[in-house]
C-alpha atoms as a PDB file:
ATOM      1  CA  MET A   1     201.428 283.356 -15.157  1.00  0.00           C
ATOM      2  CA  GLN A   2     200.180 284.004 -11.614  1.00  0.00           C
ATOM      3  CA  SER A   3     200.253 282.114  -8.322  1.00  0.00           C
ATOM      4  CA  VAL A   4     196.605 281.068  -8.733  1.00  0.00           C
ATOM      5  CA  ILE A   5     195.358 279.769 -12.087  1.00  0.00           C
ATOM      6  CA  SER A   6     191.859 278.683 -13.104  1.00  0.00           C
ATOM      7  CA  TYR A   7     190.588 277.295 -16.400  1.00  0.00           C
ATOM      8  CA  PRO A   8     186.841 276.499 -16.374  1.00  0.00           C
ATOM      9  CA  ASN A   9     187.261 275.478 -20.031  1.00  0.00           C
ATOM     10  CA  ARG A  10     190.075 272.905 -20.384  1.00  0.00           C
ATOM     11  CA  GLY A  11     190.791 273.940 -23.968  1.00  0.00           C
ATOM     12  CA  LYS A  12     190.820 272.173 -27.323  1.00  0.00           C
ATOM     13  CA  TRP A  13     193.947 270.084 -26.716  1.00  0.00           C
ATOM     14  CA  GLY A  14     194.102 266.380 -25.878  1.00  0.00           C
ATOM     15  CA  ASN A  15     191.257 264.031 -25.040  1.00  0.00           C
ATOM     16  CA  SER A  16     188.857 265.192 -22.318  1.00  0.00           C
ATOM     17  CA  ASN A  17     187.740 261.578 -21.797  1.00  0.00           C
ATOM     18  CA  TRP A  18     191.208 260.591 -20.550  1.00  0.00           C
ATOM     19  CA  ARG A  19     190.894 260.404 -16.760  1.00  0.00           C
ATOM     20  CA  GLY A  20     193.141 262.839 -14.919  1.00  0.00           C
ATOM     21  CA  ASN A  21     193.719 264.815 -18.115  1.00  0.00           C
ATOM     22  CA  CYS A  22     195.633 268.066 -17.592  1.00  0.00           C
ATOM     23  CA  SER A  23     194.251 271.278 -19.098  1.00  0.00           C
ATOM     24  CA  GLY A  24     196.287 272.445 -22.086  1.00  0.00           C
ATOM     25  CA  HIS A  25     196.120 275.969 -20.657  1.00  0.00           C
ATOM     26  CA  VAL A  26     198.663 274.897 -17.987  1.00  0.00           C
ATOM     27  CA  ILE A  27     201.138 273.951 -20.718  1.00  0.00           C
ATOM     28  CA  LYS A  28     200.333 277.081 -22.711  1.00  0.00           C
ATOM     29  CA  ASP A  29     200.941 279.304 -19.682  1.00  0.00           C
ATOM     30  CA  LEU A  30     204.267 277.599 -18.921  1.00  0.00           C
ATOM     31  CA  ILE A  31     205.439 278.052 -22.505  1.00  0.00           C
ATOM     32  CA  GLU A  32     204.337 281.673 -22.769  1.00  0.00           C
ATOM     33  CA  HIS A  33     205.936 282.534 -19.425  1.00  0.00           C
ATOM     34  CA  PHE A  34     209.288 280.740 -19.791  1.00  0.00           C
ATOM     35  CA  ASN A  35     209.654 280.726 -23.617  1.00  0.00           C
ATOM     36  CA  PRO A  36     211.258 277.272 -23.971  1.00  0.00           C
ATOM     37  CA  ARG A  37     212.766 275.974 -27.175  1.00  0.00           C
ATOM     38  CA  VAL A  38     212.468 272.360 -26.032  1.00  0.00           C
ATOM     39  CA  PHE A  39     209.537 271.098 -23.923  1.00  0.00           C
ATOM     40  CA  VAL A  40     209.329 267.553 -22.529  1.00  0.00           C
ATOM     41  CA  ASP A  41     206.275 265.877 -20.991  1.00  0.00           C
ATOM     42  CA  ILE A  42     207.118 262.549 -19.336  1.00  0.00           C
ATOM     43  CA  CYS A  43     203.464 261.623 -18.611  1.00  0.00           C
ATOM     44  CA  GLU A  44     201.873 262.809 -21.822  1.00  0.00           C
ATOM     45  CA  GLY A  45     198.711 260.709 -21.541  1.00  0.00           C
ATOM     46  CA  SER A  46     196.345 261.642 -24.365  1.00  0.00           C
ATOM     47  CA  GLY A  47     198.816 264.066 -25.931  1.00  0.00           C
ATOM     48  CA  THR A  48     197.662 267.432 -24.591  1.00  0.00           C
ATOM     49  CA  SER A  49     201.182 268.869 -24.311  1.00  0.00           C
ATOM     50  CA  ARG A  50     202.075 267.611 -27.776  1.00  0.00           C
ATOM     51  CA  GLU A  51     199.150 269.495 -29.329  1.00  0.00           C
ATOM     52  CA  VAL A  52     199.863 272.716 -27.404  1.00  0.00           C
ATOM     53  CA  CYS A  53     203.529 272.662 -28.433  1.00  0.00           C
ATOM     54  CA  LYS A  54     202.538 272.074 -32.061  1.00  0.00           C
ATOM     55  CA  ASP A  55     200.240 275.112 -31.975  1.00  0.00           C
ATOM     56  CA  LEU A  56     202.935 277.287 -30.386  1.00  0.00           C
ATOM     57  CA  GLY A  57     205.821 276.033 -32.539  1.00  0.00           C
ATOM     58  CA  VAL A  58     207.847 274.538 -29.671  1.00  0.00           C
ATOM     59  CA  ASN A  59     210.134 271.520 -30.125  1.00  0.00           C
ATOM     60  CA  TYR A  60     208.491 268.696 -28.172  1.00  0.00           C
ATOM     61  CA  PHE A  61     209.312 265.266 -26.733  1.00  0.00           C
ATOM     62  CA  GLY A  62     206.503 263.172 -25.257  1.00  0.00           C
ATOM     63  CA  LEU A  63     207.089 260.113 -23.072  1.00  0.00           C
ATOM     64  CA  ASP A  64     204.670 257.848 -21.231  1.00  0.00           C
ATOM     65  CA  LEU A  65     204.540 254.458 -19.546  1.00  0.00           C
ATOM     66  CA  LYS A  66     201.772 253.378 -21.924  1.00  0.00           C
ATOM     67  CA  ASN A  67     204.348 253.744 -24.717  1.00  0.00           C
ATOM     68  CA  GLY A  68     207.040 251.849 -22.825  1.00  0.00           C
ATOM     69  CA  PHE A  69     208.843 254.666 -20.970  1.00  0.00           C
ATOM     70  CA  ASP A  70     209.296 254.118 -17.219  1.00  0.00           C
ATOM     71  CA  PHE A  71     210.450 257.286 -15.441  1.00  0.00           C
ATOM     72  CA  THR A  72     211.598 255.235 -12.429  1.00  0.00           C
ATOM     73  CA  SER A  73     214.174 253.270 -14.439  1.00  0.00           C
ATOM     74  CA  ASN A  74     214.611 254.844 -17.900  1.00  0.00           C
ATOM     75  CA  ASN A  75     216.801 257.933 -18.243  1.00  0.00           C
ATOM     76  CA  ILE A  76     214.906 260.910 -19.702  1.00  0.00           C
ATOM     77  CA  LEU A  77     218.031 262.683 -20.961  1.00  0.00           C
ATOM     78  CA  SER A  78     219.226 259.586 -22.810  1.00  0.00           C
ATOM     79  CA  ARG A  79     215.844 259.214 -24.455  1.00  0.00           C
ATOM     80  CA  ILE A  80     215.498 262.836 -25.672  1.00  0.00           C
ATOM     81  CA  GLY A  81     219.184 263.255 -26.554  1.00  0.00           C
ATOM     82  CA  LYS A  82     219.729 266.785 -25.223  1.00  0.00           C
ATOM     83  CA  PRO A  83     218.866 268.850 -22.130  1.00  0.00           C
ATOM     84  CA  ALA A  84     215.451 270.522 -22.297  1.00  0.00           C
ATOM     85  CA  ASP A  85     214.303 273.993 -21.296  1.00  0.00           C
ATOM     86  CA  ILE A  86     211.234 272.605 -19.501  1.00  0.00           C
ATOM     87  CA  VAL A  87     210.589 269.053 -18.288  1.00  0.00           C
ATOM     88  CA  PHE A  88     207.004 268.636 -17.111  1.00  0.00           C
ATOM     89  CA  SER A  89     205.221 265.809 -15.287  1.00  0.00           C
ATOM     90  CA  HIS A  90     201.638 265.197 -14.241  1.00  0.00           C
ATOM     91  CA  PRO A  91     202.055 261.843 -12.490  1.00  0.00           C
ATOM     92  CA  PRO A  92     199.404 259.656 -10.840  1.00  0.00           C
ATOM     93  CA  TYR A  93     198.201 260.856  -7.442  1.00  0.00           C
ATOM     94  CA  HIS A  94     199.198 257.579  -5.794  1.00  0.00           C
ATOM     95  CA  ASP A  95     196.235 255.184  -6.214  1.00  0.00           C
ATOM     96  CA  ILE A  96     193.437 257.666  -6.969  1.00  0.00           C
ATOM     97  CA  ILE A  97     193.288 256.644 -10.645  1.00  0.00           C
ATOM     98  CA  LYS A  98     194.714 253.279 -11.710  1.00  0.00           C
ATOM     99  CA  TYR A  99     196.271 253.766 -15.132  1.00  0.00           C
ATOM    100  CA  SER A 100     197.750 250.449 -16.252  1.00  0.00           C
ATOM    101  CA  GLY A 101     194.964 247.890 -16.126  1.00  0.00           C
ATOM    102  CA  GLU A 102     192.162 250.473 -16.110  1.00  0.00           C
ATOM    103  CA  VAL A 103     192.593 253.772 -18.007  1.00  0.00           C
ATOM    104  CA  TRP A 104     194.520 252.067 -20.809  1.00  0.00           C
ATOM    105  CA  GLY A 105     193.988 248.464 -21.654  1.00  0.00           C
ATOM    106  CA  LYS A 106     197.105 246.693 -20.440  1.00  0.00           C
ATOM    107  CA  ASN A 107     197.827 244.545 -17.426  1.00  0.00           C
ATOM    108  CA  SER A 108     198.715 246.350 -14.201  1.00  0.00           C
ATOM    109  CA  LEU A 109     202.420 247.198 -14.158  1.00  0.00           C
ATOM    110  CA  ASN A 110     204.643 247.364 -11.062  1.00  0.00           C
ATOM    111  CA  SER A 111     206.446 250.330 -12.612  1.00  0.00           C
ATOM    112  CA  ASP A 112     203.144 252.258 -12.708  1.00  0.00           C
ATOM    113  CA  THR A 113     203.184 254.550  -9.653  1.00  0.00           C
ATOM    114  CA  SER A 114     199.383 254.393  -9.475  1.00  0.00           C
ATOM    115  CA  ASN A 115     199.868 250.745  -8.444  1.00  0.00           C
ATOM    116  CA  CYS A 116     202.135 251.475  -5.471  1.00  0.00           C
ATOM    117  CA  ARG A 117     201.165 249.486  -2.396  1.00  0.00           C
ATOM    118  CA  THR A 118     202.150 252.182   0.110  1.00  0.00           C
ATOM    119  CA  ILE A 119     202.521 255.936   0.177  1.00  0.00           C
ATOM    120  CA  ASN A 120     206.227 255.543   0.955  1.00  0.00           C
ATOM    121  CA  GLU A 121     206.739 253.438  -2.164  1.00  0.00           C
ATOM    122  CA  PHE A 122     204.928 256.101  -4.188  1.00  0.00           C
ATOM    123  CA  LEU A 123     207.103 258.894  -2.778  1.00  0.00           C
ATOM    124  CA  GLU A 124     210.343 256.952  -3.293  1.00  0.00           C
ATOM    125  CA  LYS A 125     209.497 256.405  -6.958  1.00  0.00           C
ATOM    126  CA  SER A 126     208.291 259.995  -7.316  1.00  0.00           C
ATOM    127  CA  GLN A 127     211.640 261.284  -6.055  1.00  0.00           C
ATOM    128  CA  VAL A 128     213.399 259.206  -8.711  1.00  0.00           C
ATOM    129  CA  MET A 129     211.035 260.784 -11.265  1.00  0.00           C
ATOM    130  CA  LEU A 130     211.806 264.328 -10.084  1.00  0.00           C
ATOM    131  CA  LEU A 131     215.570 263.767 -10.028  1.00  0.00           C
ATOM    132  CA  ASN A 132     215.278 262.196 -13.480  1.00  0.00           C
ATOM    133  CA  GLN A 133     213.454 265.324 -14.674  1.00  0.00           C
ATOM    134  CA  ARG A 134     216.112 267.547 -13.137  1.00  0.00           C
ATOM    135  CA  GLU A 135     218.938 265.703 -14.866  1.00  0.00           C
ATOM    136  CA  ALA A 136     217.158 266.145 -18.215  1.00  0.00           C
ATOM    137  CA  THR A 137     216.829 269.909 -17.677  1.00  0.00           C
ATOM    138  CA  LYS A 138     219.536 272.305 -18.790  1.00  0.00           C
ATOM    139  CA  GLU A 139     221.205 274.535 -16.192  1.00  0.00           C
ATOM    140  CA  GLY A 140     218.885 277.455 -15.572  1.00  0.00           C
ATOM    141  CA  GLY A 141     215.987 275.518 -17.099  1.00  0.00           C
ATOM    142  CA  ILE A 142     212.682 274.561 -15.487  1.00  0.00           C
ATOM    143  CA  TYR A 143     211.486 271.219 -14.187  1.00  0.00           C
ATOM    144  CA  THR A 144     207.922 271.159 -12.945  1.00  0.00           C
ATOM    145  CA  SER A 145     205.249 268.792 -11.675  1.00  0.00           C
ATOM    146  CA  LEU A 146     201.477 269.096 -11.335  1.00  0.00           C
ATOM    147  CA  ILE A 147     200.309 267.238  -8.240  1.00  0.00           C
ATOM    148  CA  GLY A 148     197.264 267.308  -5.967  1.00  0.00           C
ATOM    149  CA  ASP A 149     196.354 266.481  -2.404  1.00  0.00           C
ATOM    150  CA  ILE A 150     194.666 263.148  -1.765  1.00  0.00           C
ATOM    151  CA  ARG A 151     192.354 261.607   0.792  1.00  0.00           C
ATOM    152  CA  ASN A 152     192.594 257.876   1.354  1.00  0.00           C
ATOM    153  CA  LYS A 153     190.754 255.490   3.679  1.00  0.00           C
ATOM    154  CA  LYS A 154     194.080 253.946   4.738  1.00  0.00           C
ATOM    155  CA  PHE A 155     195.946 257.113   5.784  1.00  0.00           C
ATOM    156  CA  GLY A 156     193.428 259.956   5.620  1.00  0.00           C
ATOM    157  CA  PHE A 157     194.399 263.290   4.082  1.00  0.00           C
ATOM    158  CA  ARG A 158     197.847 263.660   2.508  1.00  0.00           C
ATOM    159  CA  SER A 159     199.346 266.771   0.937  1.00  0.00           C
ATOM    160  CA  LEU A 160     201.501 265.291  -1.808  1.00  0.00           C
ATOM    161  CA  GLN A 161     202.748 268.713  -2.884  1.00  0.00           C
ATOM    162  CA  SER A 162     204.327 269.132   0.544  1.00  0.00           C
ATOM    163  CA  ASP A 163     205.975 265.725   0.180  1.00  0.00           C
ATOM    164  CA  PHE A 164     207.267 266.562  -3.313  1.00  0.00           C
ATOM    165  CA  ILE A 165     208.765 269.843  -2.103  1.00  0.00           C
ATOM    166  CA  SER A 166     210.580 268.037   0.717  1.00  0.00           C
ATOM    167  CA  LEU A 167     212.079 265.552  -1.768  1.00  0.00           C
ATOM    168  CA  MET A 168     213.963 268.153  -3.820  1.00  0.00           C
ATOM    169  CA  PRO A 169     216.547 270.943  -3.294  1.00  0.00           C
ATOM    170  CA  LYS A 170     215.011 273.837  -1.368  1.00  0.00           C
ATOM    171  CA  ASP A 171     217.055 276.457  -3.195  1.00  0.00           C
ATOM    172  CA  GLU A 172     215.731 275.361  -6.602  1.00  0.00           C
ATOM    173  CA  LEU A 173     212.011 275.755  -5.860  1.00  0.00           C
ATOM    174  CA  ILE A 174     210.911 279.069  -7.403  1.00  0.00           C
ATOM    175  CA  SER A 175     207.109 278.890  -7.238  1.00  0.00           C
ATOM    176  CA  VAL A 176     204.087 276.973  -5.971  1.00  0.00           C
ATOM    177  CA  ILE A 177     201.103 277.708  -8.187  1.00  0.00           C
ATOM    178  CA  VAL A 178     197.594 276.778  -7.074  1.00  0.00           C
ATOM    179  CA  LYS A 179     195.456 275.438  -9.929  1.00  0.00           C
ATOM    180  CA  MET A 180     191.704 275.361  -9.368  1.00  0.00           C
ATOM    181  CA  GLN A 181     189.927 272.188 -10.493  1.00  0.00           C
ATOM    182  CA  HIS A 182     186.779 272.223 -12.640  1.00  0.00           C
ATOM    183  CA  ASN A 183     184.463 269.574 -14.092  1.00  0.00           C
ATOM    184  CA  VAL A 184     185.664 266.753 -11.853  1.00  0.00           C
ATOM    185  CA  LEU A 185     183.642 263.721 -10.721  1.00  0.00           C
ATOM    186  CA  SER A 186     183.267 265.109  -7.188  1.00  0.00           C
ATOM    187  CA  ASP A 187     181.353 268.132  -8.543  1.00  0.00           C
ATOM    188  CA  SER A 188     178.203 265.997  -8.744  1.00  0.00           C
ATOM    189  CA  LYS A 189     178.375 264.959  -5.075  1.00  0.00           C
ATOM    190  CA  ILE A 190     176.781 266.688  -2.095  1.00  0.00           C
ATOM    191  CA  TYR A 191     179.015 266.729   0.989  1.00  0.00           C
ATOM    192  CA  ARG A 192     177.688 267.021   4.515  1.00  0.00           C
ATOM    193  CA  GLY A 193     179.154 267.619   7.935  1.00  0.00           C
ATOM    194  CA  ASN A 194     182.774 268.707   8.306  1.00  0.00           C
ATOM    195  CA  PHE A 195     184.040 267.160   5.081  1.00  0.00           C
ATOM    196  CA  ILE A 196     185.992 269.571   2.838  1.00  0.00           C
ATOM    197  CA  PRO A 197     186.309 268.456  -0.808  1.00  0.00           C
ATOM    198  CA  ILE A 198     189.637 268.961  -2.601  1.00  0.00           C
ATOM    199  CA  LYS A 199     189.149 271.513  -5.392  1.00  0.00           C
ATOM    200  CA  HIS A 200     192.688 272.395  -6.379  1.00  0.00           C
ATOM    201  CA  GLU A 201     196.067 271.074  -7.491  1.00  0.00           C
ATOM    202  CA  TYR A 202     199.593 272.480  -7.260  1.00  0.00           C
ATOM    203  CA  LEU A 203     202.023 273.266 -10.044  1.00  0.00           C
ATOM    204  CA  LEU A 204     205.476 273.038  -8.444  1.00  0.00           C
ATOM    205  CA  VAL A 205     208.173 274.885 -10.351  1.00  0.00           C
ATOM    206  CA  TRP A 206     211.903 274.366  -9.824  1.00  0.00           C
ATOM    207  CA  LYS A 207     214.807 276.080 -11.616  1.00  0.00           C
ATOM    208  CA  ARG A 208     217.870 273.886 -12.032  1.00  0.00           C
ATOM    209  CA  ALA A 209     220.991 275.300 -10.416  1.00  0.00           C
ATOM    210  CA  GLU A 210     224.565 274.711 -11.554  1.00  0.00           C
ATOM    211  CA  LYS A 211     225.328 271.703  -9.396  1.00  0.00           C
ATOM    212  CA  SER A 212     225.650 268.006 -10.023  1.00  0.00           C
ATOM    213  CA  ILE A 213     223.290 265.252  -8.961  1.00  0.00           C
ATOM    214  CA  PHE A 214     225.922 264.187  -6.415  1.00  0.00           C
ATOM    215  CA  GLN A 215     225.843 267.637  -4.785  1.00  0.00           C
ATOM    216  CA  VAL A 216     222.057 267.569  -4.717  1.00  0.00           C
ATOM    217  CA  VAL A 217     221.872 264.134  -3.081  1.00  0.00           C
ATOM    218  CA  TRP A 218     224.562 265.101  -0.533  1.00  0.00           C
ATOM    219  CA  GLU A 219     222.725 268.313   0.398  1.00  0.00           C
ATOM    220  CA  MET A 220     219.428 266.446   0.773  1.00  0.00           C
ATOM    221  CA  ALA A 221     221.092 263.836   2.987  1.00  0.00           C
ATOM    222  CA  THR A 222     222.613 266.583   5.133  1.00  0.00           C
ATOM    223  CA  ASP A 223     219.238 268.311   5.390  1.00  0.00           C
ATOM    224  CA  PHE A 224     217.626 265.014   6.409  1.00  0.00           C
ATOM    225  CA  LYS A 225     220.161 264.571   9.226  1.00  0.00           C
ATOM    226  CA  SER A 226     219.448 268.133  10.335  1.00  0.00           C
ATOM    227  CA  ARG A 227     215.691 267.460  10.416  1.00  0.00           C
ATOM    228  CA  ILE A 228     216.237 264.306  12.487  1.00  0.00           C
ATOM    229  CA  SER A 229     218.279 266.347  14.951  1.00  0.00           C
ATOM    230  CA  THR A 230     215.507 268.949  15.091  1.00  0.00           C
ATOM    231  CA  SER A 231     212.993 266.183  15.760  1.00  0.00           C
ATOM    232  CA  TRP A 232     215.020 264.992  18.756  1.00  0.00           C
ATOM    233  CA  ARG A 233     215.126 268.537  20.165  1.00  0.00           C
ATOM    234  CA  SER A 234     211.379 268.848  19.653  1.00  0.00           C
ATOM    235  CA  ALA A 235     210.701 265.539  21.429  1.00  0.00           C
ATOM    236  CA  ILE A 236     212.835 266.611  24.405  1.00  0.00           C
ATOM    237  CA  ARG A 237     211.238 270.068  24.506  1.00  0.00           C
ATOM    238  CA  VAL A 238     207.723 268.575  24.520  1.00  0.00           C
ATOM    239  CA  SER A 239     208.801 266.160  27.237  1.00  0.00           C
ATOM    240  CA  LEU A 240     210.140 268.961  29.424  1.00  0.00           C
ATOM    241  CA  PHE A 241     206.963 270.971  28.889  1.00  0.00           C
ATOM    242  CA  SER A 242     204.958 267.954  30.066  1.00  0.00           C
ATOM    243  CA  LEU A 243     207.198 267.629  33.117  1.00  0.00           C
ATOM    244  CA  GLY A 244     206.790 271.255  34.163  1.00  0.00           C
ATOM    245  CA  GLY A 245     209.844 272.717  32.436  1.00  0.00           C
ATOM    246  CA  LYS A 246     212.420 270.955  34.614  1.00  0.00           C
ATOM    247  CA  ALA A 247     213.054 267.256  35.252  1.00  0.00           C
ATOM    248  CA  THR A 248     215.581 264.605  36.140  1.00  0.00           C
ATOM    249  CA  LEU A 249     217.330 262.687  33.390  1.00  0.00           C
ATOM    250  CA  VAL A 250     215.409 259.510  34.304  1.00  0.00           C
ATOM    251  CA  ASP A 251     212.060 261.298  34.017  1.00  0.00           C
ATOM    252  CA  ILE A 252     213.124 262.822  30.692  1.00  0.00           C
ATOM    253  CA  TYR A 253     214.033 259.358  29.381  1.00  0.00           C
ATOM    254  CA  ASN A 254     210.612 258.033  30.367  1.00  0.00           C
ATOM    255  CA  GLU A 255     208.754 260.921  28.774  1.00  0.00           C
ATOM    256  CA  VAL A 256     210.798 260.890  25.560  1.00  0.00           C
ATOM    257  CA  GLU A 257     210.148 257.160  25.311  1.00  0.00           C
ATOM    258  CA  ARG A 258     206.448 257.977  25.405  1.00  0.00           C
ATOM    259  CA  VAL A 259     206.308 260.960  23.020  1.00  0.00           C
ATOM    260  CA  GLY A 260     209.184 260.026  20.687  1.00  0.00           C
ATOM    261  CA  GLU A 261     208.373 256.408  19.933  1.00  0.00           C
ATOM    262  CA  SER A 262     208.990 256.809  16.185  1.00  0.00           C
ATOM    263  CA  LEU A 263     212.474 258.252  16.852  1.00  0.00           C
ATOM    264  CA  ILE A 264     213.685 255.611  19.274  1.00  0.00           C
ATOM    265  CA  LYS A 265     212.270 252.424  17.757  1.00  0.00           C
ATOM    266  CA  ASN A 266     215.254 251.959  15.428  1.00  0.00           C
ATOM    267  CA  ASN A 267     217.889 253.565  17.655  1.00  0.00           C
ATOM    268  CA  LYS A 268     219.409 251.331  20.331  1.00  0.00           C
ATOM    269  CA  ASN A 269     221.503 254.239  21.607  1.00  0.00           C
ATOM    270  CA  TRP A 270     218.621 256.703  21.891  1.00  0.00           C
ATOM    271  CA  LYS A 271     219.446 257.606  25.498  1.00  0.00           C
ATOM    272  CA  ALA A 272     222.894 258.775  24.391  1.00  0.00           C
ATOM    273  CA  LYS A 273     221.172 260.891  21.729  1.00  0.00           C
ATOM    274  CA  VAL A 274     218.938 262.450  24.391  1.00  0.00           C
ATOM    275  CA  ARG A 275     221.970 263.292  26.564  1.00  0.00           C
ATOM    276  CA  GLN A 276     223.747 264.824  23.575  1.00  0.00           C
ATOM    277  CA  GLN A 277     220.780 267.049  22.698  1.00  0.00           C
ATOM    278  CA  LEU A 278     220.343 268.075  26.338  1.00  0.00           C
ATOM    279  CA  GLN A 279     223.978 269.216  26.477  1.00  0.00           C
ATOM    280  CA  TYR A 280     223.706 271.152  23.208  1.00  0.00           C
ATOM    281  CA  HIS A 281     220.326 272.814  23.590  1.00  0.00           C
ATOM    282  CA  PHE A 282     219.078 272.731  27.189  1.00  0.00           C
ATOM    283  CA  THR A 283     220.142 273.951  30.663  1.00  0.00           C
ATOM    284  CA  ASN A 284     221.754 271.747  33.268  1.00  0.00           C
ATOM    285  CA  VAL A 285     220.415 273.349  36.471  1.00  0.00           C
ATOM    286  CA  GLU A 286     221.958 270.794  38.820  1.00  0.00           C
ATOM    287  CA  ARG A 287     223.496 267.350  38.663  1.00  0.00           C
ATOM    288  CA  GLY A 288     221.127 265.064  36.743  1.00  0.00           C
ATOM    289  CA  VAL A 289     218.462 267.772  36.327  1.00  0.00           C
ATOM    290  CA  TRP A 290     217.700 269.628  33.051  1.00  0.00           C
ATOM    291  CA  ALA A 291     215.441 272.545  32.158  1.00  0.00           C
ATOM    292  CA  LEU A 292     214.148 274.411  29.121  1.00  0.00           C
END
């Protein structure tokens, strides 16, 4: 397996008419590279993974919302009964393809992540999915997700792979594989101007470390606090740049209020936070005056 994969022919597995269908060559490559005894697909769709595993003689568990399994509320490990070597997902790309109510003939379900009303709701549920996958993976095993970038009229371009990476432990990510896309609906369209069509997906591969879910959540919370702190420093640095590299505390407050609106809107004590960051990371050149 290499960092860029391309399959012009999707292979004999699964149903090519199933929208968003994953090429069986992705599953085949994962199995041949990592040699799992137990492979789990939690979004099995038309059964591509099932057919690949049957051909390769790998013990398989297939789960899907269309068969009553909800990865945002049902525990994968409890359902399969034992930790797996690989737990794979190819979830909806937010609202690009509506599965319940469209692809398969049932009413739209709130638990279907292709019916999420906002991108934040989608990412919150996707993090539950990824943590659920991790818990169903044995220590040293692989949990992996195939996800693409999206472009939406509401929020423009969004790199979901970047979001997914940020949702999980940094030290467990072992590879980001670019998968070229072939035979998609957009192939028949002619694009003009500066528009750049999306012609690839990402296979994100994590290796589960020997730590509990509680350790993982704690580390992610700590990392989040660190990123917030970094954001404050960045807002102050940009403000000081705008003010010529040196400014009074009052002028810094005014500029931070302008450039850091998203940071201060839910923080009544934001001025105290600014003073704290100035003391830690900037130079007090004279009373009430700070510099880069």
